Amino acid sequence: MDNLQVLKQIKCFILDLDGTVYLGKKVLDGSMDFLEILGEKNIQFKFFTNNSSKNAKFYVKKIRSMGYAAKDDMMLISNQVIINHIQNTMQDKKVFVLGNEYLKSDFIYADINVVEEDPDVVVVGFDTSLVYENVSKACKFIRNGAVFLGVHPDFNCPIENGFIPDCGSICAMITASTGVKPEYFGKPSIHTLQYILNHTGLKAEEIAFVGDRLYTDIAIGQGNDAITILVLSGETKLQDLQGSDIQPTLIFDSLKEVKNALQEVC
């Protein structure tokens, strides 16, 4: 079977944002055309970002400012996945959040008991306003027995002129101090896959994850039937695939090329 024929079985695309739809404030070539084609063909899609420095409302507003009329229910984010987990399994626990105000406000809005002292759980996100005192507090709480959760494992966030340290790097600093490794949420965790399956009501083989990172966007398809599509418009370069255990179902230069392939086979 022509590899492109796999595109016909996709009922929902899960689209990464940074390095896939846009890079910083720049819309990547063909991204908006790809979204328009999905709409014309009545193919469902959702945005999903690991980037916990903001929240879903922020990203919906950003996408709208770039020219696409995104609806609120189109946006999924790692914040929602970890909040869903805590609500279901740690409902009465006290949580210390090391993250930006967007992440903290999501936790408070979800009625999670966010505290500054003596927590049962420490949650670490992509804190772009990182304060050393708060890192020290997180380390102390974890040494005292608090559960250590990371919102997502990304080590770097791509921006227009390079990369900046992300949630995984902050967690690595805390692990270096405490010796404790976090349980991660966001892509590629099973928590995120299950969250998306529940949210869409679809089977794994009916979903395609599209993104620019092997260890998050593509790794989420390892060990299950989900389709993965790597775009080379962000972090991953073609040579990175050599020797990697993580391999996508399909590879394209950008969403523009995915759009062209969809028009060819669907």
C-alpha atoms as a PDB file:
ATOM      1  CA  MET A   1       0.000   0.000   0.000  1.00  0.00           C
ATOM      2  CA  ASP A   2       1.220   3.487  -0.819  1.00  0.00           C
ATOM      3  CA  ASN A   3       2.267   4.969   2.528  1.00  0.00           C
ATOM      4  CA  LEU A   4       0.151   8.052   1.836  1.00  0.00           C
ATOM      5  CA  GLN A   5      -2.986   5.904   1.770  1.00  0.00           C
ATOM      6  CA  VAL A   6      -2.794   5.798   5.585  1.00  0.00           C
ATOM      7  CA  LEU A   7      -4.035   9.401   5.485  1.00  0.00           C
ATOM      8  CA  LYS A   8      -7.454   8.088   4.432  1.00  0.00           C
ATOM      9  CA  GLN A   9      -8.041   6.342   7.778  1.00  0.00           C
ATOM     10  CA  ILE A  10      -7.446   9.466   9.872  1.00  0.00           C
ATOM     11  CA  LYS A  11     -10.592  10.804  11.552  1.00  0.00           C
ATOM     12  CA  CYS A  12      -8.847  13.377  13.735  1.00  0.00           C
ATOM     13  CA  PHE A  13      -5.526  15.205  13.494  1.00  0.00           C
ATOM     14  CA  ILE A  14      -3.898  16.256  16.792  1.00  0.00           C
ATOM     15  CA  LEU A  15      -1.702  19.208  15.868  1.00  0.00           C
ATOM     16  CA  ASP A  16       1.285  20.442  17.818  1.00  0.00           C
ATOM     17  CA  LEU A  17       1.748  24.241  17.788  1.00  0.00           C
ATOM     18  CA  ASP A  18       5.370  25.380  18.385  1.00  0.00           C
ATOM     19  CA  GLY A  19       7.444  24.351  15.366  1.00  0.00           C
ATOM     20  CA  THR A  20       4.417  22.863  13.595  1.00  0.00           C
ATOM     21  CA  VAL A  21       1.692  25.505  13.106  1.00  0.00           C
ATOM     22  CA  TYR A  22       3.875  28.481  14.069  1.00  0.00           C
ATOM     23  CA  LEU A  23       7.326  29.361  15.357  1.00  0.00           C
ATOM     24  CA  GLY A  24       7.119  32.009  18.053  1.00  0.00           C
ATOM     25  CA  LYS A  25       5.012  34.787  16.499  1.00  0.00           C
ATOM     26  CA  LYS A  26       5.567  33.604  12.899  1.00  0.00           C
ATOM     27  CA  VAL A  27       2.960  31.450  11.144  1.00  0.00           C
ATOM     28  CA  LEU A  28       4.732  28.648   9.270  1.00  0.00           C
ATOM     29  CA  ASP A  29       4.193  28.508   5.532  1.00  0.00           C
ATOM     30  CA  GLY A  30       1.059  26.562   4.589  1.00  0.00           C
ATOM     31  CA  SER A  31      -0.256  26.073   8.138  1.00  0.00           C
ATOM     32  CA  MET A  32      -3.440  28.063   7.668  1.00  0.00           C
ATOM     33  CA  ASP A  33      -4.069  26.464   4.265  1.00  0.00           C
ATOM     34  CA  PHE A  34      -3.803  23.027   5.913  1.00  0.00           C
ATOM     35  CA  LEU A  35      -6.427  23.976   8.505  1.00  0.00           C
ATOM     36  CA  GLU A  36      -8.738  25.256   5.782  1.00  0.00           C
ATOM     37  CA  ILE A  37      -8.400  21.990   3.823  1.00  0.00           C
ATOM     38  CA  LEU A  38      -9.302  19.934   6.915  1.00  0.00           C
ATOM     39  CA  GLY A  39     -12.402  22.078   7.309  1.00  0.00           C
ATOM     40  CA  GLU A  40     -13.375  21.676   3.656  1.00  0.00           C
ATOM     41  CA  LYS A  41     -13.001  17.880   3.897  1.00  0.00           C
ATOM     42  CA  ASN A  42     -14.858  17.717   7.233  1.00  0.00           C
ATOM     43  CA  ILE A  43     -11.878  16.080   8.922  1.00  0.00           C
ATOM     44  CA  GLN A  44     -11.809  16.729  12.674  1.00  0.00           C
ATOM     45  CA  PHE A  45      -8.735  18.273  14.258  1.00  0.00           C
ATOM     46  CA  LYS A  46      -7.560  19.575  17.632  1.00  0.00           C
ATOM     47  CA  PHE A  47      -4.554  21.581  18.692  1.00  0.00           C
ATOM     48  CA  PHE A  48      -2.493  20.072  21.505  1.00  0.00           C
ATOM     49  CA  THR A  49       0.511  21.768  22.989  1.00  0.00           C
ATOM     50  CA  ASN A  50       2.779  20.637  25.799  1.00  0.00           C
ATOM     51  CA  ASN A  51       3.749  24.274  26.395  1.00  0.00           C
ATOM     52  CA  SER A  52       2.480  24.941  29.936  1.00  0.00           C
ATOM     53  CA  SER A  53       3.874  28.484  30.118  1.00  0.00           C
ATOM     54  CA  LYS A  54       0.399  29.634  29.022  1.00  0.00           C
ATOM     55  CA  ASN A  55      -3.097  28.097  29.026  1.00  0.00           C
ATOM     56  CA  ALA A  56      -5.741  27.073  26.498  1.00  0.00           C
ATOM     57  CA  LYS A  57      -7.474  30.468  26.440  1.00  0.00           C
ATOM     58  CA  PHE A  58      -4.183  32.190  25.600  1.00  0.00           C
ATOM     59  CA  TYR A  59      -3.441  29.833  22.695  1.00  0.00           C
ATOM     60  CA  VAL A  60      -6.953  30.146  21.234  1.00  0.00           C
ATOM     61  CA  LYS A  61      -6.508  33.917  21.263  1.00  0.00           C
ATOM     62  CA  LYS A  62      -3.046  33.616  19.667  1.00  0.00           C
ATOM     63  CA  ILE A  63      -4.300  31.354  16.858  1.00  0.00           C
ATOM     64  CA  ARG A  64      -7.179  33.742  16.188  1.00  0.00           C
ATOM     65  CA  SER A  65      -4.704  36.648  15.991  1.00  0.00           C
ATOM     66  CA  MET A  66      -2.849  34.703  13.293  1.00  0.00           C
ATOM     67  CA  GLY A  67      -5.906  34.565  11.098  1.00  0.00           C
ATOM     68  CA  TYR A  68      -7.693  31.310  11.953  1.00  0.00           C
ATOM     69  CA  ALA A  69     -11.064  31.436  13.754  1.00  0.00           C
ATOM     70  CA  ALA A  70     -10.266  28.751  16.345  1.00  0.00           C
ATOM     71  CA  LYS A  71     -13.096  27.649  18.640  1.00  0.00           C
ATOM     72  CA  ASP A  72     -12.476  27.167  22.365  1.00  0.00           C
ATOM     73  CA  ASP A  73     -13.029  23.383  22.200  1.00  0.00           C
ATOM     74  CA  MET A  74     -10.330  22.982  19.532  1.00  0.00           C
ATOM     75  CA  MET A  75      -7.541  23.657  22.053  1.00  0.00           C
ATOM     76  CA  LEU A  76      -6.088  20.947  24.295  1.00  0.00           C
ATOM     77  CA  ILE A  77      -3.028  21.401  26.522  1.00  0.00           C
ATOM     78  CA  SER A  78      -0.860  19.447  28.955  1.00  0.00           C
ATOM     79  CA  ASN A  79      -2.261  21.574  31.814  1.00  0.00           C
ATOM     80  CA  GLN A  80      -5.632  19.869  31.300  1.00  0.00           C
ATOM     81  CA  VAL A  81      -4.116  16.371  31.317  1.00  0.00           C
ATOM     82  CA  ILE A  82      -2.321  16.725  34.653  1.00  0.00           C
ATOM     83  CA  ILE A  83      -5.305  18.523  36.232  1.00  0.00           C
ATOM     84  CA  ASN A  84      -7.578  15.696  35.072  1.00  0.00           C
ATOM     85  CA  HIS A  85      -5.221  13.163  36.680  1.00  0.00           C
ATOM     86  CA  ILE A  86      -5.076  15.023  39.997  1.00  0.00           C
ATOM     87  CA  GLN A  87      -8.857  15.459  40.075  1.00  0.00           C
ATOM     88  CA  ASN A  88      -9.353  11.721  39.491  1.00  0.00           C
ATOM     89  CA  THR A  89      -6.637  10.270  41.723  1.00  0.00           C
ATOM     90  CA  MET A  90      -5.456  12.957  44.179  1.00  0.00           C
ATOM     91  CA  GLN A  91      -8.594  14.965  44.777  1.00  0.00           C
ATOM     92  CA  ASP A  92      -7.925  15.847  48.421  1.00  0.00           C
ATOM     93  CA  LYS A  93      -4.201  16.484  48.095  1.00  0.00           C
ATOM     94  CA  LYS A  94      -2.457  19.825  48.648  1.00  0.00           C
ATOM     95  CA  VAL A  95      -0.491  20.921  45.558  1.00  0.00           C
ATOM     96  CA  PHE A  96       2.475  23.283  45.183  1.00  0.00           C
ATOM     97  CA  VAL A  97       2.698  24.610  41.610  1.00  0.00           C
ATOM     98  CA  LEU A  98       6.055  25.776  40.223  1.00  0.00           C
ATOM     99  CA  GLY A  99       4.885  27.531  37.083  1.00  0.00           C
ATOM    100  CA  ASN A 100       3.570  30.708  35.502  1.00  0.00           C
ATOM    101  CA  GLU A 101       0.340  32.375  36.583  1.00  0.00           C
ATOM    102  CA  TYR A 102      -1.493  30.778  33.614  1.00  0.00           C
ATOM    103  CA  LEU A 103      -0.776  27.281  34.986  1.00  0.00           C
ATOM    104  CA  LYS A 104      -1.579  28.262  38.573  1.00  0.00           C
ATOM    105  CA  SER A 105      -4.872  29.859  37.520  1.00  0.00           C
ATOM    106  CA  ASP A 106      -5.874  26.680  35.661  1.00  0.00           C
ATOM    107  CA  PHE A 107      -5.297  24.665  38.870  1.00  0.00           C
ATOM    108  CA  ILE A 108      -7.245  27.130  41.019  1.00  0.00           C
ATOM    109  CA  TYR A 109     -10.098  27.294  38.475  1.00  0.00           C
ATOM    110  CA  ALA A 110     -10.280  23.467  38.668  1.00  0.00           C
ATOM    111  CA  ASP A 111     -10.763  23.731  42.464  1.00  0.00           C
ATOM    112  CA  ILE A 112      -7.464  22.009  43.224  1.00  0.00           C
ATOM    113  CA  ASN A 113      -6.073  22.931  46.651  1.00  0.00           C
ATOM    114  CA  VAL A 114      -3.022  24.999  45.647  1.00  0.00           C
ATOM    115  CA  VAL A 115      -0.747  25.801  48.608  1.00  0.00           C
ATOM    116  CA  GLU A 116       2.598  27.485  49.246  1.00  0.00           C
ATOM    117  CA  GLU A 117       3.677  25.323  52.209  1.00  0.00           C
ATOM    118  CA  ASP A 118       3.516  21.645  53.259  1.00  0.00           C
ATOM    119  CA  PRO A 119       2.139  20.180  50.003  1.00  0.00           C
ATOM    120  CA  ASP A 120       1.445  16.506  49.246  1.00  0.00           C
ATOM    121  CA  VAL A 121       2.295  17.045  45.560  1.00  0.00           C
ATOM    122  CA  VAL A 122       4.782  19.272  43.706  1.00  0.00           C
ATOM    123  CA  VAL A 123       3.822  20.129  40.112  1.00  0.00           C
ATOM    124  CA  VAL A 124       6.485  21.652  37.863  1.00  0.00           C
ATOM    125  CA  GLY A 125       5.585  23.370  34.581  1.00  0.00           C
ATOM    126  CA  PHE A 126       7.336  25.537  31.982  1.00  0.00           C
ATOM    127  CA  ASP A 127       8.029  28.439  34.358  1.00  0.00           C
ATOM    128  CA  THR A 128       9.414  31.297  32.268  1.00  0.00           C
ATOM    129  CA  SER A 129       9.476  33.515  35.377  1.00  0.00           C
ATOM    130  CA  LEU A 130      11.531  30.991  37.367  1.00  0.00           C
ATOM    131  CA  VAL A 131      12.539  32.182  40.837  1.00  0.00           C
ATOM    132  CA  TYR A 132      15.373  30.421  42.691  1.00  0.00           C
ATOM    133  CA  GLU A 133      13.499  30.578  46.017  1.00  0.00           C
ATOM    134  CA  ASN A 134      10.599  28.616  44.501  1.00  0.00           C
ATOM    135  CA  VAL A 135      12.935  25.973  43.066  1.00  0.00           C
ATOM    136  CA  SER A 136      14.474  25.587  46.532  1.00  0.00           C
ATOM    137  CA  LYS A 137      11.004  25.195  48.070  1.00  0.00           C
ATOM    138  CA  ALA A 138      10.065  22.539  45.500  1.00  0.00           C
ATOM    139  CA  CYS A 139      13.252  20.598  46.283  1.00  0.00           C
ATOM    140  CA  LYS A 140      12.598  20.817  50.043  1.00  0.00           C
ATOM    141  CA  PHE A 141       9.021  19.588  49.654  1.00  0.00           C
ATOM    142  CA  ILE A 142      10.116  16.641  47.479  1.00  0.00           C
ATOM    143  CA  ARG A 143      12.868  15.687  49.975  1.00  0.00           C
ATOM    144  CA  ASN A 144      10.146  15.714  52.655  1.00  0.00           C
ATOM    145  CA  GLY A 145       8.110  13.179  50.677  1.00  0.00           C
ATOM    146  CA  ALA A 146       5.873  15.186  48.318  1.00  0.00           C
ATOM    147  CA  VAL A 147       5.026  13.442  45.016  1.00  0.00           C
ATOM    148  CA  PHE A 148       6.975  15.002  42.104  1.00  0.00           C
ATOM    149  CA  LEU A 149       4.960  15.546  38.875  1.00  0.00           C
ATOM    150  CA  GLY A 150       6.182  17.254  35.683  1.00  0.00           C
ATOM    151  CA  VAL A 151       3.571  18.796  33.378  1.00  0.00           C
ATOM    152  CA  HIS A 152       5.562  17.721  30.282  1.00  0.00           C
ATOM    153  CA  PRO A 153       9.069  16.421  29.499  1.00  0.00           C
ATOM    154  CA  ASP A 154      10.249  18.937  26.851  1.00  0.00           C
ATOM    155  CA  PHE A 155      13.849  20.011  27.460  1.00  0.00           C
ATOM    156  CA  ASN A 156      13.749  22.955  25.038  1.00  0.00           C
ATOM    157  CA  CYS A 157      11.113  25.205  23.496  1.00  0.00           C
ATOM    158  CA  PRO A 158      11.777  26.338  19.901  1.00  0.00           C
ATOM    159  CA  ILE A 159      11.601  30.086  19.247  1.00  0.00           C
ATOM    160  CA  GLU A 160      12.364  32.217  16.193  1.00  0.00           C
ATOM    161  CA  ASN A 161      16.123  32.393  16.829  1.00  0.00           C
ATOM    162  CA  GLY A 162      16.845  29.105  18.610  1.00  0.00           C
ATOM    163  CA  PHE A 163      15.695  27.376  21.796  1.00  0.00           C
ATOM    164  CA  ILE A 164      14.989  28.229  25.425  1.00  0.00           C
ATOM    165  CA  PRO A 165      15.027  25.816  28.437  1.00  0.00           C
ATOM    166  CA  ASP A 166      11.644  24.157  28.968  1.00  0.00           C
ATOM    167  CA  CYS A 167       9.853  22.166  31.681  1.00  0.00           C
ATOM    168  CA  GLY A 168      12.055  19.053  31.325  1.00  0.00           C
ATOM    169  CA  SER A 169      15.170  21.131  31.971  1.00  0.00           C
ATOM    170  CA  ILE A 170      13.678  22.656  35.129  1.00  0.00           C
ATOM    171  CA  CYS A 171      12.662  19.180  36.343  1.00  0.00           C
ATOM    172  CA  ALA A 172      16.180  17.896  35.580  1.00  0.00           C
ATOM    173  CA  MET A 173      17.620  20.598  37.861  1.00  0.00           C
ATOM    174  CA  ILE A 174      15.297  19.490  40.679  1.00  0.00           C
ATOM    175  CA  THR A 175      16.178  15.830  40.069  1.00  0.00           C
ATOM    176  CA  ALA A 176      19.891  16.704  40.240  1.00  0.00           C
ATOM    177  CA  SER A 177      19.319  18.250  43.671  1.00  0.00           C
ATOM    178  CA  THR A 178      16.884  15.696  45.151  1.00  0.00           C
ATOM    179  CA  GLY A 179      17.676  12.452  43.311  1.00  0.00           C
ATOM    180  CA  VAL A 180      13.939  12.093  42.596  1.00  0.00           C
ATOM    181  CA  LYS A 181      12.619  11.793  39.028  1.00  0.00           C
ATOM    182  CA  PRO A 182       9.155  13.171  38.162  1.00  0.00           C
ATOM    183  CA  GLU A 183       6.231  11.379  36.575  1.00  0.00           C
ATOM    184  CA  TYR A 184       5.525  13.284  33.369  1.00  0.00           C
ATOM    185  CA  PHE A 185       2.213  14.183  31.722  1.00  0.00           C
ATOM    186  CA  GLY A 186       1.687  15.863  28.328  1.00  0.00           C
ATOM    187  CA  LYS A 187       3.022  14.155  25.207  1.00  0.00           C
ATOM    188  CA  PRO A 188       4.213  11.350  24.953  1.00  0.00           C
ATOM    189  CA  SER A 189       2.696  10.025  28.180  1.00  0.00           C
ATOM    190  CA  ILE A 190      -0.074   7.427  28.276  1.00  0.00           C
ATOM    191  CA  HIS A 191      -2.015  10.000  30.299  1.00  0.00           C
ATOM    192  CA  THR A 192      -2.215  12.272  27.258  1.00  0.00           C
ATOM    193  CA  LEU A 193      -3.067   9.479  24.825  1.00  0.00           C
ATOM    194  CA  GLN A 194      -5.915   8.306  27.073  1.00  0.00           C
ATOM    195  CA  TYR A 195      -7.113  11.888  27.623  1.00  0.00           C
ATOM    196  CA  ILE A 196      -7.336  12.455  23.867  1.00  0.00           C
ATOM    197  CA  LEU A 197      -9.064   9.107  23.231  1.00  0.00           C
ATOM    198  CA  ASN A 198     -11.643   9.951  25.899  1.00  0.00           C
ATOM    199  CA  HIS A 199     -12.049  13.500  24.584  1.00  0.00           C
ATOM    200  CA  THR A 200     -12.567  12.481  20.941  1.00  0.00           C
ATOM    201  CA  GLY A 201     -14.287   9.118  21.460  1.00  0.00           C
ATOM    202  CA  LEU A 202     -12.048   7.668  18.730  1.00  0.00           C
ATOM    203  CA  LYS A 203      -9.707   4.669  18.553  1.00  0.00           C
ATOM    204  CA  ALA A 204      -5.934   5.167  18.476  1.00  0.00           C
ATOM    205  CA  GLU A 205      -5.686   4.045  14.828  1.00  0.00           C
ATOM    206  CA  GLU A 206      -8.162   6.778  13.827  1.00  0.00           C
ATOM    207  CA  ILE A 207      -5.950   9.554  15.238  1.00  0.00           C
ATOM    208  CA  ALA A 208      -2.821  11.156  13.775  1.00  0.00           C
ATOM    209  CA  PHE A 209      -0.402  13.076  15.962  1.00  0.00           C
ATOM    210  CA  VAL A 210       1.416  15.763  13.955  1.00  0.00           C
ATOM    211  CA  GLY A 211       4.465  17.520  15.319  1.00  0.00           C
ATOM    212  CA  ASP A 212       8.133  18.422  15.065  1.00  0.00           C
ATOM    213  CA  ARG A 213       9.625  16.502  18.005  1.00  0.00           C
ATOM    214  CA  LEU A 214      10.570  12.846  18.055  1.00  0.00           C
ATOM    215  CA  TYR A 215      10.551  12.392  21.830  1.00  0.00           C
ATOM    216  CA  THR A 216       7.094  13.919  22.392  1.00  0.00           C
ATOM    217  CA  ASP A 217       4.914  14.312  19.263  1.00  0.00           C
ATOM    218  CA  ILE A 218       6.100  11.090  17.623  1.00  0.00           C
ATOM    219  CA  ALA A 219       6.943   8.982  20.697  1.00  0.00           C
ATOM    220  CA  ILE A 220       3.283   9.111  21.781  1.00  0.00           C
ATOM    221  CA  GLY A 221       2.555   6.642  18.960  1.00  0.00           C
ATOM    222  CA  GLN A 222       5.057   4.059  20.225  1.00  0.00           C
ATOM    223  CA  GLY A 223       3.436   0.804  21.423  1.00  0.00           C
ATOM    224  CA  ASN A 224      -0.046   1.651  20.113  1.00  0.00           C
ATOM    225  CA  ASP A 225      -1.812   2.045  16.756  1.00  0.00           C
ATOM    226  CA  ALA A 226      -1.870   5.852  16.549  1.00  0.00           C
ATOM    227  CA  ILE A 227      -0.509   7.377  13.333  1.00  0.00           C
ATOM    228  CA  THR A 228       2.379   9.813  13.747  1.00  0.00           C
ATOM    229  CA  ILE A 229       3.412  12.489  11.256  1.00  0.00           C
ATOM    230  CA  LEU A 230       6.750  14.263  11.663  1.00  0.00           C
ATOM    231  CA  VAL A 231       7.111  17.732  10.138  1.00  0.00           C
ATOM    232  CA  LEU A 232      10.632  19.066   9.673  1.00  0.00           C
ATOM    233  CA  SER A 233       9.648  22.681  10.332  1.00  0.00           C
ATOM    234  CA  GLY A 234      10.799  22.769  13.969  1.00  0.00           C
ATOM    235  CA  GLU A 235      13.203  20.913  16.248  1.00  0.00           C
ATOM    236  CA  THR A 236      13.828  17.600  14.463  1.00  0.00           C
ATOM    237  CA  LYS A 237      16.072  17.364  11.417  1.00  0.00           C
ATOM    238  CA  LEU A 238      16.093  14.422   8.995  1.00  0.00           C
ATOM    239  CA  GLN A 239      19.491  13.216  10.265  1.00  0.00           C
ATOM    240  CA  ASP A 240      18.053  12.912  13.792  1.00  0.00           C
ATOM    241  CA  LEU A 241      16.066   9.881  12.594  1.00  0.00           C
ATOM    242  CA  GLN A 242      19.231   7.911  11.893  1.00  0.00           C
ATOM    243  CA  GLY A 243      19.707   5.415  14.712  1.00  0.00           C
ATOM    244  CA  SER A 244      16.632   6.618  16.607  1.00  0.00           C
ATOM    245  CA  ASP A 245      14.280   4.028  18.098  1.00  0.00           C
ATOM    246  CA  ILE A 246      11.437   6.492  17.572  1.00  0.00           C
ATOM    247  CA  GLN A 247      10.221   6.552  13.973  1.00  0.00           C
ATOM    248  CA  PRO A 248       7.131   8.331  12.567  1.00  0.00           C
ATOM    249  CA  THR A 249       4.542   6.792  10.269  1.00  0.00           C
ATOM    250  CA  LEU A 250       5.044   9.607   7.738  1.00  0.00           C
ATOM    251  CA  ILE A 251       7.495  12.491   7.258  1.00  0.00           C
ATOM    252  CA  PHE A 252       6.822  15.838   5.565  1.00  0.00           C
ATOM    253  CA  ASP A 253       8.752  19.083   5.335  1.00  0.00           C
ATOM    254  CA  SER A 254       5.810  21.065   6.730  1.00  0.00           C
ATOM    255  CA  LEU A 255       2.021  21.194   7.090  1.00  0.00           C
ATOM    256  CA  LYS A 256       1.985  22.622   3.573  1.00  0.00           C
ATOM    257  CA  GLU A 257       3.264  19.271   2.286  1.00  0.00           C
ATOM    258  CA  VAL A 258       0.743  17.351   4.413  1.00  0.00           C
ATOM    259  CA  LYS A 259      -1.991  19.475   2.830  1.00  0.00           C
ATOM    260  CA  ASN A 260      -0.740  18.598  -0.670  1.00  0.00           C
ATOM    261  CA  ALA A 261      -0.705  14.879   0.178  1.00  0.00           C
ATOM    262  CA  LEU A 262      -4.231  15.053   1.619  1.00  0.00           C
ATOM    263  CA  GLN A 263      -5.501  16.710  -1.549  1.00  0.00           C
ATOM    264  CA  GLU A 264      -3.875  13.919  -3.562  1.00  0.00           C
ATOM    265  CA  VAL A 265      -5.346  10.927  -1.712  1.00  0.00           C
ATOM    266  CA  CYS A 266      -8.562  12.135  -0.047  1.00  0.00           C
END
